Protein backbone atom coordinates (compact mmCIF):
# COMPACT_ATOMS: atom_id res chain seq x y z
CA MET A 1 120.42 85.94 104.73
CA GLU A 2 118.29 83.44 106.54
CA ARG A 3 120.34 84.44 109.90
CA LEU A 4 120.30 88.40 108.94
CA LEU A 5 116.22 88.21 108.92
CA ILE A 6 116.40 86.19 112.09
CA ILE A 7 118.50 88.90 113.42
CA ALA A 8 116.13 91.46 112.27
CA LEU A 9 113.06 89.90 113.49
CA ALA A 10 114.71 89.70 117.39
CA VAL A 11 115.65 93.17 117.15
CA ALA A 12 112.22 94.23 116.14
CA LEU A 13 110.92 92.17 118.81
CA PHE A 14 112.90 93.68 121.61
CA SER A 15 112.29 97.02 120.34
CA THR A 16 108.57 96.49 120.23
CA SER A 17 108.15 94.84 123.57
CA CYS A 18 110.43 97.95 124.97
CA THR A 19 108.30 100.47 123.50
CA THR A 20 105.07 98.55 124.18
CA GLU A 21 105.57 99.04 127.99
CA ARG A 22 105.64 102.83 127.95
CA MET A 23 103.02 103.16 125.76
CA PRO A 24 100.20 105.43 127.42
CA ASN A 25 97.22 102.88 127.75
CA ILE A 26 93.56 104.88 126.73
CA GLU A 27 91.52 102.21 128.99
CA ARG A 28 93.72 102.92 131.83
CA PHE A 29 93.65 106.60 131.65
CA LYS A 30 89.82 106.65 131.43
CA LYS A 31 89.52 104.57 134.76
CA ASP A 32 92.26 106.82 136.63
CA LEU A 33 90.27 109.79 135.23
CA ALA A 34 86.95 108.53 136.72
CA ALA A 35 88.81 108.24 139.90
CA SER A 36 89.80 111.66 140.24
CA ALA A 37 86.75 113.86 141.67
CA ASP A 38 88.72 116.78 142.03
CA GLY A 39 88.68 118.90 138.80
CA SER A 40 92.50 120.07 138.98
CA ALA A 41 93.55 116.67 139.82
CA ARG A 42 91.51 115.80 136.44
CA MET A 43 93.17 118.12 134.58
CA GLU A 44 96.65 117.19 135.50
CA ARG A 45 96.16 113.66 134.36
CA VAL A 46 94.94 114.93 131.37
CA GLU A 47 98.00 116.57 130.63
CA ASP A 48 100.01 113.80 131.57
CA PHE A 49 98.20 111.56 129.43
CA MET A 50 98.75 113.87 126.79
CA GLN A 51 102.57 114.57 126.96
CA ARG A 52 102.73 110.63 127.17
CA VAL A 53 100.98 110.36 123.95
CA GLN A 54 103.34 113.07 122.57
CA SER A 55 106.45 111.39 123.51
CA VAL A 56 105.72 108.48 121.75
CA HIS A 57 103.57 109.94 119.23
CA ALA A 58 100.01 108.75 117.91
CA PRO A 59 98.59 106.68 117.15
CA VAL A 60 99.69 104.83 120.06
CA LEU A 61 100.81 101.07 119.91
CA GLU A 62 99.35 99.16 122.97
CA ASP A 63 99.91 96.01 121.30
CA ASP A 64 100.87 94.27 118.28
CA THR A 65 97.56 94.55 116.76
CA THR A 66 95.89 97.56 118.74
CA ALA A 67 96.15 101.14 117.41
CA VAL A 68 94.51 104.19 119.34
CA PHE A 69 94.30 106.78 117.41
CA ILE A 70 93.96 110.28 119.37
CA TYR A 71 92.76 113.92 119.15
CA ARG A 72 92.67 116.45 121.37
CA GLY A 73 91.05 119.99 120.88
CA PRO A 74 87.65 121.89 120.65
CA ALA A 75 85.20 119.91 118.58
CA GLU A 76 82.16 118.70 118.04
CA ARG A 77 83.04 115.75 116.11
CA VAL A 78 86.16 113.84 115.12
CA ARG A 79 86.80 111.33 112.51
CA ILE A 80 89.36 109.45 110.57
CA THR A 81 89.25 108.17 107.23
CA GLY A 82 91.86 106.24 104.78
CA ASP A 83 93.19 102.78 104.21
CA MET A 84 91.27 101.32 106.92
CA THR A 85 88.08 102.20 105.62
CA GLN A 86 89.33 101.97 102.25
CA TRP A 87 88.99 105.69 102.27
CA ASP A 88 84.99 104.76 101.61
CA GLY A 89 83.42 106.43 105.22
CA GLU A 90 84.55 107.95 108.53
CA ILE A 91 85.53 106.41 111.58
CA ALA A 92 83.96 108.10 114.57
CA LEU A 93 86.40 109.06 117.32
CA GLU A 94 84.53 108.99 121.09
CA ARG A 95 85.07 111.91 123.60
CA ILE A 96 86.26 110.89 126.95
CA THR A 97 83.41 112.27 129.15
CA GLY A 98 84.22 115.88 130.38
CA THR A 99 87.92 116.14 128.37
CA ASP A 100 88.86 117.73 125.01
CA VAL A 101 90.38 114.19 124.17
CA PHE A 102 88.98 111.93 121.36
CA TYR A 103 89.90 108.45 120.71
CA TYR A 104 89.26 105.41 118.86
CA ARG A 105 90.62 102.25 119.32
CA GLY A 106 91.26 99.84 115.95
CA ILE A 107 92.56 96.14 115.69
CA PHE A 108 94.65 95.58 112.52
CA PRO A 109 97.19 93.36 111.27
CA ALA A 110 100.49 93.39 113.05
CA SER A 111 102.52 93.72 109.99
CA ALA A 112 99.83 96.41 108.21
CA ARG A 113 100.78 99.85 107.45
CA MET A 114 98.16 102.61 106.86
CA GLU A 115 97.68 105.98 105.73
CA TYR A 116 94.82 108.18 106.59
CA MET A 117 93.83 111.88 107.21
CA MET A 118 91.78 113.24 110.53
CA LEU A 119 88.43 115.32 110.10
CA VAL A 120 87.53 117.77 112.95
CA ASP A 121 83.87 118.75 112.70
CA ASP A 122 82.51 120.02 109.41
CA GLY A 123 86.26 120.64 107.80
CA PHE A 124 89.07 118.34 106.57
CA MET A 125 92.19 118.84 109.18
CA GLY A 126 94.18 116.58 107.01
CA LYS A 127 97.31 114.84 108.71
CA ASP A 128 96.79 113.86 112.26
CA PRO A 129 98.24 116.83 114.69
CA LEU A 130 99.91 114.12 116.71
CA ASN A 131 101.58 111.76 114.29
CA PRO A 132 104.85 112.99 112.71
CA HIS A 133 104.91 110.60 109.94
CA VAL A 134 103.80 111.49 106.68
CA VAL A 135 104.13 110.08 103.03
CA LEU A 136 103.32 112.04 100.42
CA SER A 137 101.17 111.85 96.96
CA GLY A 138 99.73 113.29 94.43
CA PHE A 139 96.44 114.46 96.52
CA GLY A 140 99.33 116.07 99.46
CA GLY A 141 100.18 114.28 102.78
CA PHE A 142 98.33 111.51 104.40
CA SER A 143 99.37 110.79 108.15
CA GLU A 144 100.87 107.30 108.40
CA LEU A 145 100.29 104.20 111.07
CA ALA A 146 102.85 101.65 110.56
CA MET A 147 101.99 98.79 112.78
CA PRO A 148 104.51 97.11 115.15
CA TRP A 149 105.60 94.07 112.70
CA TYR A 150 105.65 96.21 109.91
CA ALA A 151 109.33 96.51 108.50
CA TYR A 152 110.69 99.63 107.89
CA HIS A 153 113.35 99.88 105.69
CA ALA A 154 116.16 102.16 106.87
CA VAL A 155 116.31 104.00 103.55
CA PHE A 156 113.24 105.50 104.42
CA GLN A 157 113.94 106.53 108.27
CA ASN A 158 115.00 110.11 107.67
CA VAL A 159 111.91 111.07 105.37
CA ARG A 160 109.04 110.00 107.22
CA ASP A 161 108.09 113.46 107.94
CA GLY A 162 107.13 113.85 104.72
CA THR A 163 110.19 115.05 102.96
CA PRO A 164 110.46 114.71 99.18
CA GLY A 165 112.75 112.83 96.80
CA GLY A 166 115.30 115.23 95.47
CA TYR A 167 116.80 115.33 91.66
CA GLU A 168 120.77 115.19 92.73
CA ARG A 169 122.68 112.62 90.50
CA LEU A 170 119.70 112.72 87.83
CA VAL A 171 119.93 114.05 84.65
CA ARG A 172 117.15 115.76 82.80
CA HIS A 173 116.39 115.33 79.03
CA VAL A 174 113.18 115.64 76.76
CA LEU A 175 112.51 114.09 74.19
CA PRO A 176 110.88 115.59 71.06
CA VAL A 177 107.57 115.70 69.35
CA GLY A 178 107.47 112.14 67.41
CA ILE A 179 104.97 109.25 67.79
CA MET A 180 103.19 111.19 70.82
CA ASP A 181 102.55 115.13 69.10
CA TYR A 182 104.29 116.41 72.47
CA ALA A 183 107.56 116.19 74.32
CA THR A 184 108.05 113.90 76.74
CA GLU A 185 110.44 114.68 80.35
CA VAL A 186 112.31 112.26 81.36
CA HIS A 187 115.17 111.64 84.14
CA VAL A 188 118.06 109.09 83.97
CA TYR A 189 119.52 107.57 86.98
CA ALA A 190 122.95 106.06 86.72
CA PRO A 191 124.36 103.81 89.31
CA PRO A 192 127.54 104.60 91.56
CA GLY A 193 130.54 104.19 89.74
CA TYR A 194 129.21 104.58 85.99
CA ASP A 195 131.61 107.45 85.09
CA THR A 196 134.64 105.18 85.39
CA SER A 197 133.51 102.06 84.37
CA SER A 198 132.82 100.31 80.72
CA VAL A 199 130.16 98.04 82.15
CA HIS A 200 126.94 97.91 80.53
CA TYR A 201 123.50 97.56 82.69
CA PRO A 202 120.09 96.77 82.99
CA VAL A 203 117.77 99.40 82.34
CA VAL A 204 114.67 100.12 84.58
CA PHE A 205 111.77 102.20 82.89
CA ILE A 206 109.97 103.96 85.55
CA LEU A 207 106.54 105.57 84.43
CA ASP A 208 105.08 108.09 86.53
CA GLY A 209 108.71 109.36 86.80
CA ARG A 210 108.37 112.13 88.75
CA ASP A 211 105.83 110.43 91.44
CA TYR A 212 108.58 107.86 91.91
CA ILE A 213 111.57 110.39 92.46
CA GLU A 214 109.61 112.43 94.79
CA PHE A 215 107.01 110.19 96.56
CA ALA A 216 108.90 106.91 96.18
CA HIS A 217 112.50 108.11 97.00
CA THR A 218 113.34 105.85 94.03
CA PRO A 219 116.83 107.22 93.49
CA ALA A 220 117.89 107.12 97.30
CA VAL A 221 116.49 103.25 97.10
CA LEU A 222 118.52 102.55 94.20
CA ASP A 223 121.72 104.11 95.68
CA SER A 224 121.14 101.68 98.59
CA LEU A 225 120.43 98.34 97.22
CA ILE A 226 123.28 99.04 94.78
CA LEU A 227 125.67 99.71 97.46
CA SER A 228 124.54 97.64 99.84
CA GLY A 229 125.40 94.82 97.29
CA VAL A 230 121.70 93.68 97.42
CA VAL A 231 121.12 94.22 93.80
CA ASP A 232 123.24 94.50 90.50
CA PRO A 233 123.66 98.03 89.22
CA VAL A 234 121.14 99.51 87.22
CA LEU A 235 120.08 102.24 85.05
CA ALA A 236 117.36 103.65 85.77
CA VAL A 237 114.97 105.89 83.36
CA PHE A 238 112.00 107.97 85.07
CA VAL A 239 109.60 108.85 82.52
CA SER A 240 107.16 111.49 82.79
CA PRO A 241 103.56 112.29 81.18
CA PRO A 242 102.39 115.41 80.45
CA ASN A 243 99.77 117.52 82.74
CA ARG A 244 100.81 115.89 86.04
CA HIS A 245 98.10 115.78 88.73
CA GLN A 246 95.75 117.66 86.18
CA GLN A 247 92.76 116.86 84.30
CA GLU A 248 93.89 118.79 81.21
CA MET A 249 94.60 115.95 78.35
CA PRO A 250 97.10 114.86 77.19
CA ASN A 251 97.87 113.03 80.63
CA ARG A 252 98.51 109.93 82.44
CA MET A 253 95.38 108.38 81.94
CA THR A 254 95.49 108.96 78.32
CA GLU A 255 98.96 107.69 77.77
CA TYR A 256 98.33 104.56 80.21
CA GLY A 257 94.89 103.26 79.31
CA LEU A 258 95.83 100.64 76.94
CA ASN A 259 97.51 103.18 74.40
CA SER A 260 99.21 101.58 71.75
CA ASP A 261 100.93 104.61 70.42
CA TYR A 262 102.40 105.21 73.87
CA ALA A 263 103.71 101.52 73.59
CA ARG A 264 105.35 102.18 70.76
CA PHE A 265 107.04 105.36 71.85
CA MET A 266 108.28 103.57 74.62
CA ALA A 267 109.81 100.68 72.34
CA GLU A 268 111.20 102.88 69.08
CA GLU A 269 111.41 106.05 70.71
CA ILE A 270 112.40 106.30 74.24
CA VAL A 271 114.49 103.02 74.26
CA PRO A 272 117.01 103.97 71.74
CA PHE A 273 117.41 107.87 72.88
CA VAL A 274 118.40 106.22 75.97
CA GLU A 275 120.75 103.48 74.92
CA GLU A 276 122.39 105.70 72.37
CA ARG A 277 123.37 107.90 75.21
CA TYR A 278 123.75 105.39 78.34
CA ARG A 279 125.55 102.11 78.44
CA GLY A 280 122.70 99.87 78.59
CA LEU A 281 122.94 96.17 77.97
CA GLY A 282 120.66 96.22 74.68
CA ASP A 283 118.31 93.06 75.34
CA GLN A 284 115.14 92.54 76.19
CA SER A 285 115.87 90.48 78.96
CA ALA A 286 117.68 93.26 81.22
CA ARG A 287 114.97 95.88 80.23
CA LEU A 288 111.85 96.17 83.13
CA VAL A 289 108.98 98.84 83.06
CA ALA A 290 107.82 99.39 86.14
CA GLY A 291 104.52 101.07 87.18
CA ASP A 292 101.79 102.13 90.06
CA SER A 293 97.97 102.01 89.62
CA TYR A 294 97.26 103.09 85.78
CA ALA A 295 100.81 103.03 85.04
CA GLY A 296 100.97 99.43 86.78
CA LEU A 297 98.33 98.72 83.83
CA ALA A 298 100.72 100.10 81.04
CA SER A 299 103.54 98.21 82.94
CA VAL A 300 101.86 95.12 81.69
CA PHE A 301 100.62 96.35 78.53
CA ILE A 302 103.74 97.66 77.02
CA PRO A 303 105.84 94.64 77.61
CA PHE A 304 102.78 92.44 76.49
CA GLN A 305 102.64 94.58 73.13
CA HIS A 306 106.42 95.15 72.45
CA SER A 307 108.19 91.57 74.43
CA GLU A 308 111.03 91.85 71.68
CA VAL A 309 112.16 95.21 73.54
CA PHE A 310 110.67 94.50 77.15
CA GLY A 311 111.26 91.48 78.94
CA LEU A 312 110.55 91.98 82.56
CA SER A 313 107.15 93.91 84.08
CA TYR A 314 106.39 95.04 87.73
CA SER A 315 103.05 95.95 88.19
CA GLN A 316 102.21 97.83 91.26
CA SER A 317 98.12 98.13 92.14
CA GLY A 318 97.76 97.72 88.66
CA TYR A 319 94.45 99.14 87.33
CA LEU A 320 94.00 95.82 85.85
CA SER A 321 89.71 95.68 85.86
CA LEU A 322 90.36 98.83 83.49
CA GLN A 323 87.42 98.29 80.43
CA SER A 324 85.97 95.25 82.05
CA ASP A 325 89.50 93.27 82.31
CA SER A 326 90.62 94.31 78.94
CA MET A 327 94.10 93.47 79.62
CA ILE A 328 93.78 90.37 81.39
CA ARG A 329 91.49 89.00 78.85
CA MET A 330 94.31 90.20 76.15
CA VAL A 331 96.91 88.02 78.02
CA GLU A 332 94.19 85.08 78.23
CA ARG A 333 93.61 84.83 74.63
CA ALA A 334 97.00 85.55 73.36
CA ALA A 335 99.91 83.14 72.94
CA PRO A 336 102.30 83.41 76.12
CA ARG A 337 105.26 85.90 75.32
CA PRO A 338 108.83 85.99 76.54
CA VAL A 339 107.94 88.36 79.73
CA ARG A 340 108.50 87.71 83.29
CA PHE A 341 106.31 89.19 85.79
CA PHE A 342 106.23 90.94 88.99
CA VAL A 343 102.68 91.90 90.44
CA ASP A 344 101.34 93.15 93.43
CA VAL A 345 98.61 94.92 95.43
CA GLY A 346 97.38 95.93 98.82
CA LEU A 347 94.70 94.11 101.17
CA TYR A 348 93.00 97.76 101.63
CA GLU A 349 92.43 98.36 97.61
CA GLU A 350 88.82 96.92 96.64
CA LYS A 351 87.19 100.23 96.49
CA VAL A 352 90.05 102.17 94.46
CA GLY A 353 88.68 105.59 93.31
CA LYS A 354 85.14 104.73 94.59
CA GLY A 355 82.98 107.24 92.81
CA TRP A 356 84.78 108.09 90.15
CA LEU A 357 85.44 105.14 88.37
CA PRO A 358 82.78 102.55 87.41
CA GLU A 359 81.86 100.64 90.16
CA SER A 360 82.80 97.53 88.56
CA GLU A 361 86.24 98.38 88.18
CA ILE A 362 86.95 99.57 91.54
CA ASN A 363 88.40 96.02 93.00
CA PHE A 364 91.86 96.33 92.67
CA LEU A 365 92.74 93.58 95.22
CA LYS A 366 90.49 90.96 92.87
CA ALA A 367 91.29 92.17 89.72
CA ASN A 368 95.23 91.49 90.37
CA ARG A 369 94.09 87.96 91.77
CA ARG A 370 92.27 87.22 88.78
CA PHE A 371 95.62 88.44 86.44
CA SER A 372 97.41 85.99 88.83
CA GLY A 373 95.35 83.30 88.10
CA VAL A 374 95.52 83.93 84.15
CA LEU A 375 99.56 84.06 84.64
CA ALA A 376 99.37 80.79 86.25
CA ALA A 377 97.12 78.92 83.70
CA MET A 378 99.09 80.35 81.10
CA GLY A 379 102.71 79.25 82.12
CA TYR A 380 103.93 82.46 82.64
CA ASP A 381 106.92 83.34 85.05
CA TYR A 382 105.71 85.37 87.53
CA VAL A 383 105.69 86.27 91.35
CA TYR A 384 102.79 87.40 93.06
CA ARG A 385 102.28 89.61 96.24
CA GLU A 386 99.54 90.63 98.71
CA TYR A 387 100.35 93.59 101.26
CA PRO A 388 98.19 94.62 104.26
CA GLU A 389 98.47 98.07 103.06
CA GLY A 390 96.59 100.42 100.24
CA HIS A 391 96.62 102.43 97.14
CA THR A 392 99.33 104.21 98.48
CA TRP A 393 102.81 105.73 97.34
CA GLY A 394 103.91 104.43 101.72
CA ASN A 395 103.17 100.98 100.12
CA TRP A 396 104.76 101.08 96.58
CA ARG A 397 108.01 102.76 97.41
CA ALA A 398 108.56 100.02 100.05
CA HIS A 399 107.92 96.89 97.61
CA LEU A 400 109.41 98.50 94.32
CA MET A 401 112.53 97.10 96.55
CA ASP A 402 111.26 93.56 96.08
CA ALA A 403 110.62 93.31 92.40
CA LEU A 404 114.25 94.97 91.79
CA VAL A 405 116.12 91.91 94.28
CA HIS A 406 114.01 89.81 92.15
CA PHE A 407 114.87 90.94 88.65
CA PHE A 408 118.06 92.04 89.60
CA ALA A 409 119.63 90.16 92.77
CA ALA A 410 123.55 90.42 93.22
CA SER A 411 125.13 87.21 91.72
CA GLU A 412 128.16 85.73 93.37
CA LEU A 413 129.30 85.41 89.79
CA GLY A 414 129.35 89.27 88.88
CA SER A 415 126.76 91.49 88.07
CA SER A 416 127.34 90.83 84.26
CA SER A 417 126.94 86.97 84.48
CA ARG A 418 123.13 86.98 83.75
CA TYR A 419 123.01 89.03 80.90
CA PRO A 420 123.79 89.21 77.58
CA GLN A 421 127.07 90.64 77.16
CA ARG A 422 127.91 94.16 75.24
CA ASN A 423 131.19 94.94 73.62
CA GLY A 424 132.69 98.33 73.34
CA ASN A 425 132.34 101.46 76.12
CA ARG A 426 129.22 103.82 75.65
CA ASN A 427 129.45 106.94 77.72
CA ARG A 428 127.21 109.63 78.14
């Protein structure tokens, strides 16, 4: 594994050095432009510069830590907002005198990955017209900047244009009214080879199910990790909230906001429903609950409330500051549960939901750090990570891999060696 990492790093460094040499340089362009007194010569330099920008796309990476945002068009003012501003405030692009070209040079961590949108005059343009890389979300698509040292997994290379994930090979089910007084939609992923085997598998229960399918391409991620032998085969259950991306209740906020009924629903209805129809291992040590943001909070709460059912928890950018750190204090004051945790958050998550969440709760980064401290003090088995990214699907889709590898890394002794075994053959 170490040798592969060294090779990958060498390839990345080689690619970056080759690319940087041919990158358009904004300061050199400005000097060349200033030296061109003739109007037609200036126009030729503008056209040549923009052609070179389009050949590599914007933002232009001048070196490992410098990215130049560029806009060309009739405008009085151009700004960007995004992870680099924590989605609070705007950065103005400077017009190059005598042209319709605007630019901003930013300095960022060499391994950062950020999402942003462009604003022109008094309107919202949205995606950067010079950047083909887009990440989808419930708010639409945002443009993406990946700095040179950011490691982009191959599974996402063909969807960097904003192509959504599909539902191929997923089986849709609807759970009837029960503990929750409405029906619930789930989609089930079975690993390659499932139909020709009699093996029982660990089960990953993923909240915000449709978002993880469409925005995070999780079925493709699972296929890639399993077929490459990086992780053991798993079943995945995508559980979707009602009124997706809408304010009408019930919705994800009513389900995920420390809702004991929903936690009981997951433990007493979802798990039996799935494991009566699919070959789950039937043991809490082989069941993971995963989710993002509000669902990240629920992914801590559900195993904590029902550790007899769920022994694994993965919180991505969890809203752990809800109700003055209620979840954190709950863990701190209770006897430790038999749950293993994986917790991560972005460095650009200090103002999440500013303007509509309580001001005391918007710093997700600090809240997750507080939670990590409590887990350590309580003696939990946990992993805590921070990434130079924001509260975005580009962050969550990539680092979901890290947690899956942590919990389900392929064993040399075989995929069943670490889990309690089930007898018999239960088919769909």
